[in-house]
Protein backbone atom coordinates (compact mmCIF):
# COMPACT_ATOMS: atom_id res chain seq x y z
CA UNK A 1 -143.14 59.15 208.69
CA UNK A 2 -145.42 57.73 206.16
CA UNK A 3 -148.40 59.63 205.07
CA UNK A 4 -151.69 57.50 205.11
CA UNK A 5 -151.99 57.78 201.07
CA UNK A 6 -148.46 56.62 200.57
CA UNK A 7 -148.00 53.57 198.36
CA UNK A 8 -145.44 50.65 199.08
CA UNK A 9 -143.56 49.00 196.10
CA UNK A 10 -142.54 45.77 195.71
CA UNK A 11 -142.16 43.70 192.40
CA UNK A 12 -143.29 40.39 191.28
CA UNK A 13 -140.83 37.95 192.14
CA UNK A 14 -140.79 34.06 192.90
CA UNK A 15 -137.81 34.76 195.56
CA UNK A 16 -138.47 35.98 199.14
CA UNK A 17 -138.20 39.72 199.35
CA UNK A 18 -136.02 41.26 201.94
CA UNK A 19 -137.61 44.65 202.14
CA UNK A 20 -135.98 47.73 203.63
CA UNK A 21 -137.93 49.69 205.53
CA UNK A 22 -135.87 51.78 207.55
CA UNK A 23 -133.57 54.21 206.17
CA UNK A 24 -131.96 56.22 208.86
CA UNK A 25 -128.64 53.83 208.86
CA UNK A 26 -127.12 53.22 204.82
CA UNK A 27 -124.40 51.25 206.96
CA UNK A 28 -126.57 49.02 209.04
CA UNK A 29 -128.22 48.03 205.70
CA UNK A 30 -124.98 47.32 204.22
CA UNK A 31 -124.02 45.35 207.26
CA UNK A 32 -127.28 43.13 207.26
CA UNK A 33 -127.25 42.28 203.39
CA UNK A 34 -123.61 41.23 204.05
CA UNK A 35 -124.89 39.02 207.08
CA UNK A 36 -127.84 37.41 205.00
CA UNK A 37 -125.43 36.63 202.02
CA UNK A 38 -122.86 34.93 204.10
CA UNK A 39 -122.94 31.14 204.10
CA UNK A 40 -123.32 29.27 207.44
CA UNK A 41 -120.89 26.52 208.54
CA UNK A 42 -122.57 24.00 205.94
CA UNK A 43 -122.81 26.10 203.13
CA UNK A 44 -126.33 27.45 203.64
CA UNK A 45 -127.48 31.15 202.82
CA UNK A 46 -130.55 32.92 202.33
CA UNK A 47 -131.68 33.28 198.51
CA UNK A 48 -133.41 36.71 199.26
CA UNK A 49 -134.16 39.66 196.61
CA UNK A 50 -133.07 42.93 198.40
CA UNK A 51 -135.57 45.80 197.85
CA UNK A 52 -134.20 49.18 198.77
CA UNK A 53 -136.93 51.33 197.59
CA UNK A 54 -137.89 54.66 199.90
CA UNK A 55 -141.42 54.47 198.76
CA UNK A 56 -141.27 51.63 201.78
CA UNK A 57 -139.88 53.67 204.22
CA UNK A 58 -142.02 53.37 207.29
CA UNK A 59 -144.56 50.62 205.89
CA UNK A 60 -145.97 48.13 207.99
CA UNK A 61 -145.83 44.44 207.69
CA UNK A 62 -149.57 44.54 206.68
CA UNK A 63 -149.16 47.11 203.83
CA UNK A 64 -146.19 45.03 202.64
CA UNK A 65 -147.93 41.35 202.89
CA UNK A 66 -151.01 42.71 200.70
CA UNK A 67 -148.79 44.49 198.23
CA UNK A 68 -146.83 41.37 197.73
CA UNK A 69 -149.90 38.90 197.60
CA UNK A 70 -151.35 41.52 194.95
CA UNK A 71 -148.64 41.03 192.81
CA UNK A 72 -148.85 37.99 189.94
CA UNK A 73 -145.89 36.02 191.62
CA UNK A 74 -144.39 35.73 195.07
CA UNK A 75 -142.88 33.31 197.10
CA UNK A 76 -144.30 31.82 200.09
CA UNK A 77 -142.55 34.26 202.83
CA UNK A 78 -141.74 37.89 203.25
CA UNK A 79 -138.92 39.27 205.02
CA UNK A 80 -138.78 43.25 206.48
CA UNK A 81 -135.52 44.81 207.78
CA UNK A 82 -137.21 47.35 209.64
CA UNK A 83 -135.54 49.78 212.61
CA UNK A 84 -135.29 47.09 214.98
CA UNK A 85 -133.54 44.63 212.31
CA UNK A 86 -131.15 47.59 211.83
CA UNK A 87 -130.37 48.40 215.27
CA UNK A 88 -130.98 45.54 218.01
CA UNK A 89 -128.46 42.51 218.47
CA UNK A 90 -128.48 39.80 215.99
CA UNK A 91 -130.65 41.91 213.66
CA UNK A 92 -134.03 40.34 214.32
CA UNK A 93 -135.77 40.29 210.94
CA UNK A 94 -139.41 40.37 210.49
CA UNK A 95 -140.86 37.29 208.63
CA UNK A 96 -143.99 37.41 207.28
CA UNK A 97 -146.55 34.83 206.33
CA UNK A 98 -147.71 35.30 202.55
CA UNK A 99 -150.35 32.19 202.57
CA UNK A 100 -153.97 32.88 202.42
CA UNK A 101 -153.82 31.79 206.26
CA UNK A 102 -152.17 35.41 206.83
CA UNK A 103 -150.69 34.20 210.33
CA UNK A 104 -149.11 36.69 212.58
CA UNK A 105 -145.24 37.32 211.95
CA UNK A 106 -142.26 36.66 214.28
CA UNK A 107 -138.72 37.49 214.19
CA UNK A 108 -135.56 35.78 213.01
CA UNK A 109 -132.23 36.61 213.63
CA UNK A 110 -130.31 37.30 210.31
CA UNK A 111 -127.68 34.50 210.29
CA UNK A 112 -130.62 31.95 211.03
CA UNK A 113 -132.93 33.42 207.82
CA UNK A 114 -131.45 31.13 205.53
CA UNK A 115 -133.28 28.26 207.41
CA UNK A 116 -136.49 29.89 206.89
CA UNK A 117 -136.05 31.26 203.61
CA UNK A 118 -134.74 27.99 202.40
CA UNK A 119 -137.34 25.53 204.18
CA UNK A 120 -140.38 27.54 203.86
CA UNK A 121 -140.05 28.01 199.95
CA UNK A 122 -139.18 24.42 199.46
CA UNK A 123 -141.80 23.26 201.94
CA UNK A 124 -139.50 21.13 203.86
CA UNK A 125 -140.53 22.79 207.32
CA UNK A 126 -144.17 24.93 207.43
CA UNK A 127 -144.96 28.40 209.34
CA UNK A 128 -146.12 26.48 212.62
CA UNK A 129 -142.62 24.56 213.17
CA UNK A 130 -140.56 27.82 212.93
CA UNK A 131 -142.94 29.76 215.12
CA UNK A 132 -143.20 27.28 217.89
CA UNK A 133 -139.27 27.51 217.90
CA UNK A 134 -139.35 31.11 218.74
CA UNK A 135 -138.39 32.19 222.10
CA UNK A 136 -140.43 34.06 224.77
CA UNK A 137 -139.39 37.26 222.76
CA UNK A 138 -140.86 35.96 219.51
CA UNK A 139 -137.45 35.71 217.80
CA UNK A 140 -136.29 32.53 216.10
CA UNK A 141 -132.80 31.73 216.83
CA UNK A 142 -132.24 28.29 215.02
CA UNK A 143 -133.21 24.82 215.24
CA UNK A 144 -132.25 22.99 218.72
CA UNK A 145 -129.45 20.83 219.28
C-alpha cells in the first residue's frame, strides 16, 4: 500500500517505459519481460526500458504519467505492469498516453504491445486508432485480420 506522500520514480528516457507497479510475484515480472522481448513471427518486438523500482509499488497511472511528463525527455506512450498485467490471461498491460491530450488509458495484451510501442513512437498510427480497436473489455488484442 502506498502512502499519500510516496514519490514515484521514472528516468529521463526517449524509450517507452515499462514500469512495474506490482511486486507480489517476481516470477510474473520475469515472464512478462520475456514475452515483451520476444519477437513476433515477422521479427517485431517492443523496445521498452524496464523500470523495476520499488518506489513505484502501487503507483497509479496518473502518478506515473505526471512523473514521466515532468522528465526532460520521454516517449509518446507509457506502459504499466500492474497487478492485472501479472495475473490475468494474456497479461493486459496498461497503456498510458503521454501527449498533452492526456487521453484515458486502455490495456494491451503483452504479445501485441510491440505494435503500440513501435507505431505510436514512430507516428505510423495514432492513439485513437489503437483505442478504437480495443474490445468491450477495453483491451487491445492486435490488428484485425
